[in-house]
Amino acid sequence: PIAFPAGSLEGRSLRADDLAGVTDLYPAPGVDDRVGSISGTVTRNGQGVFGAHVVTYHLRTGRIVAGFTVTEAGEFTVGGLDPGPCLVRVEPLDDGDSESFFDGSRVVETGFHVTYAERLAVVPRGGDVGGLEIAVRPR
């Protein structure tokens, strides 16, 4: 719904993405011991891909949490993840208004195919699956 009556909470709930983001920004005491993260790089032809949409899918819970590559080197971190096995997918940002995610001074890469990580990422409780490298193919 576009509008709710004043004070109404009906139909409002945080999704897995929202919870992960809030947890990362405002961690409750001990939360870092209960959740983990995945970090790595996305490249195309050996060069970092800026603005790629990195999506994690937890195989046990079904939760989907996403992030973006945020450096020119294609680096990303997706935090607030439940421990366990995750499938990681990289896709070009298909939103026509990329400036709603990034300032207009940087070029968001979109000329590549959807790509899955070659292996599952098993998120450790209180730790990070680091060094995940995903090479995407140009369109």
Protein backbone atom coordinates (compact mmCIF):
# COMPACT_ATOMS: atom_id res chain seq x y z
CA PRO A 1 0.00 0.00 0.00
CA ILE A 2 1.08 3.52 -0.71
CA ALA A 3 -0.40 5.06 2.42
CA PHE A 4 -1.43 3.79 5.83
CA PRO A 5 -3.70 5.46 8.38
CA ALA A 6 -1.78 7.37 11.05
CA GLY A 7 -0.35 4.99 13.66
CA SER A 8 -1.25 1.84 11.69
CA LEU A 9 1.32 -0.96 11.58
CA GLU A 10 -0.85 -3.26 9.47
CA GLY A 11 1.02 -4.76 6.55
CA ARG A 12 4.35 -3.33 7.65
CA SER A 13 7.14 -5.76 8.32
CA LEU A 14 10.86 -5.74 7.80
CA ARG A 15 12.24 -8.14 5.21
CA ALA A 16 15.51 -10.06 5.53
CA ASP A 17 17.36 -7.26 3.67
CA ASP A 18 16.02 -4.65 6.06
CA LEU A 19 16.87 -6.69 9.14
CA ALA A 20 20.42 -7.33 7.92
CA GLY A 21 20.95 -3.64 7.19
CA VAL A 22 19.57 -2.47 10.52
CA THR A 23 21.58 -5.13 12.36
CA ASP A 24 24.74 -4.00 10.58
CA LEU A 25 24.14 -0.32 11.35
CA TYR A 26 22.81 -0.73 14.91
CA PRO A 27 24.01 -4.08 16.26
CA ALA A 28 22.37 -5.28 19.47
CA PRO A 29 24.72 -6.60 22.15
CA GLY A 30 26.01 -10.03 21.11
CA VAL A 31 24.54 -9.92 17.60
CA ASP A 32 28.02 -10.17 16.06
CA ASP A 33 28.30 -13.58 17.70
CA ARG A 34 25.06 -14.81 16.11
CA VAL A 35 25.32 -13.63 12.50
CA GLY A 36 28.01 -13.63 9.84
CA SER A 37 28.89 -12.07 6.51
CA ILE A 38 30.17 -12.78 3.02
CA SER A 39 32.75 -10.56 1.35
CA GLY A 40 34.71 -10.64 -1.85
CA THR A 41 35.09 -9.10 -5.27
CA VAL A 42 33.22 -9.07 -8.56
CA THR A 43 35.31 -8.71 -11.71
CA ARG A 44 34.76 -8.57 -15.46
CA ASN A 45 37.75 -9.19 -17.74
CA GLY A 46 40.02 -8.90 -14.69
CA GLN A 47 38.71 -5.44 -13.72
CA GLY A 48 36.53 -4.61 -10.72
CA VAL A 49 32.82 -4.14 -11.34
CA PHE A 50 31.29 -1.16 -9.53
CA GLY A 51 27.60 -1.29 -8.59
CA ALA A 52 26.92 -4.98 -9.21
CA HIS A 53 23.97 -6.32 -7.22
CA VAL A 54 25.16 -9.21 -5.00
CA VAL A 55 22.33 -11.44 -3.75
CA THR A 56 22.65 -14.15 -1.09
CA TYR A 57 20.08 -16.93 -0.70
CA HIS A 58 20.26 -18.94 2.52
CA LEU A 59 19.56 -22.59 1.65
CA ARG A 60 18.05 -23.49 5.06
CA THR A 61 16.02 -20.39 5.91
CA GLY A 62 15.18 -19.15 2.40
CA ARG A 63 16.15 -15.61 3.42
CA ILE A 64 17.39 -13.35 0.64
CA VAL A 65 19.81 -10.57 1.58
CA ALA A 66 21.54 -8.37 -0.98
CA GLY A 67 24.23 -5.73 -1.26
CA PHE A 68 26.30 -3.97 -3.88
CA THR A 69 29.91 -3.82 -4.98
CA VAL A 70 30.92 -0.49 -3.56
CA THR A 71 34.48 0.13 -4.78
CA GLU A 72 36.15 0.45 -8.17
CA ALA A 73 37.89 -2.86 -7.36
CA GLY A 74 34.46 -4.57 -7.19
CA GLU A 75 34.57 -5.22 -3.44
CA PHE A 76 31.42 -6.14 -1.52
CA THR A 77 30.29 -7.28 1.91
CA VAL A 78 26.84 -8.62 2.71
CA GLY A 79 26.34 -8.73 6.49
CA GLY A 80 23.70 -9.76 8.99
CA LEU A 81 23.48 -13.27 7.53
CA ASP A 82 22.30 -16.36 9.37
CA PRO A 83 25.05 -18.98 9.76
CA GLY A 84 24.91 -21.76 7.20
CA PRO A 85 25.12 -22.38 3.46
CA CYS A 86 24.28 -19.57 1.03
CA LEU A 87 24.06 -19.40 -2.73
CA VAL A 88 25.57 -16.16 -4.04
CA ARG A 89 24.41 -14.55 -7.28
CA VAL A 90 25.66 -11.39 -9.00
CA GLU A 91 23.43 -9.47 -11.38
CA PRO A 92 23.54 -6.10 -13.10
CA LEU A 93 21.49 -3.41 -11.45
CA ASP A 94 18.34 -3.21 -13.55
CA ASP A 95 16.79 -0.20 -11.86
CA GLY A 96 16.58 2.62 -14.38
CA ASP A 97 17.43 5.09 -11.64
CA SER A 98 20.79 3.90 -10.30
CA GLU A 99 21.19 7.31 -8.65
CA SER A 100 18.71 6.15 -6.00
CA PHE A 101 21.48 3.78 -4.86
CA PHE A 102 24.67 5.61 -5.92
CA ASP A 103 25.58 9.24 -6.53
CA GLY A 104 25.73 10.28 -10.18
CA SER A 105 29.50 10.75 -10.21
CA ARG A 106 30.23 7.04 -10.74
CA VAL A 107 29.36 4.76 -13.62
CA VAL A 108 27.41 1.67 -12.54
CA GLU A 109 28.45 -1.39 -14.56
CA THR A 110 25.52 -3.19 -16.23
CA GLY A 111 27.09 -4.92 -19.25
CA PHE A 112 27.41 -8.43 -17.84
CA HIS A 113 25.43 -11.66 -17.45
CA VAL A 114 23.88 -12.91 -14.21
CA THR A 115 26.52 -15.12 -12.59
CA TYR A 116 26.53 -17.53 -9.65
CA ALA A 117 29.52 -18.09 -7.38
CA GLU A 118 31.28 -21.33 -8.24
CA ARG A 119 30.80 -22.67 -4.71
CA LEU A 120 28.40 -22.29 -1.84
CA ALA A 121 29.45 -19.84 0.85
CA VAL A 122 29.05 -21.35 4.31
CA VAL A 123 28.57 -18.40 6.65
CA PRO A 124 30.21 -18.93 10.05
CA ARG A 125 28.53 -17.75 13.24
CA GLY A 126 30.27 -14.50 14.21
CA GLY A 127 32.62 -14.55 11.20
CA ASP A 128 33.07 -13.75 7.54
CA VAL A 129 33.38 -15.85 4.40
CA GLY A 130 36.10 -13.69 2.90
CA GLY A 131 37.80 -13.74 -0.44
CA LEU A 132 34.85 -14.89 -2.54
CA GLU A 133 35.76 -14.01 -6.13
CA ILE A 134 33.08 -13.93 -8.79
CA ALA A 135 34.07 -13.29 -12.41
CA VAL A 136 31.16 -12.19 -14.58
CA ARG A 137 30.98 -12.50 -18.37
CA PRO A 138 30.39 -9.44 -20.56
CA ARG A 139 27.17 -9.24 -22.53
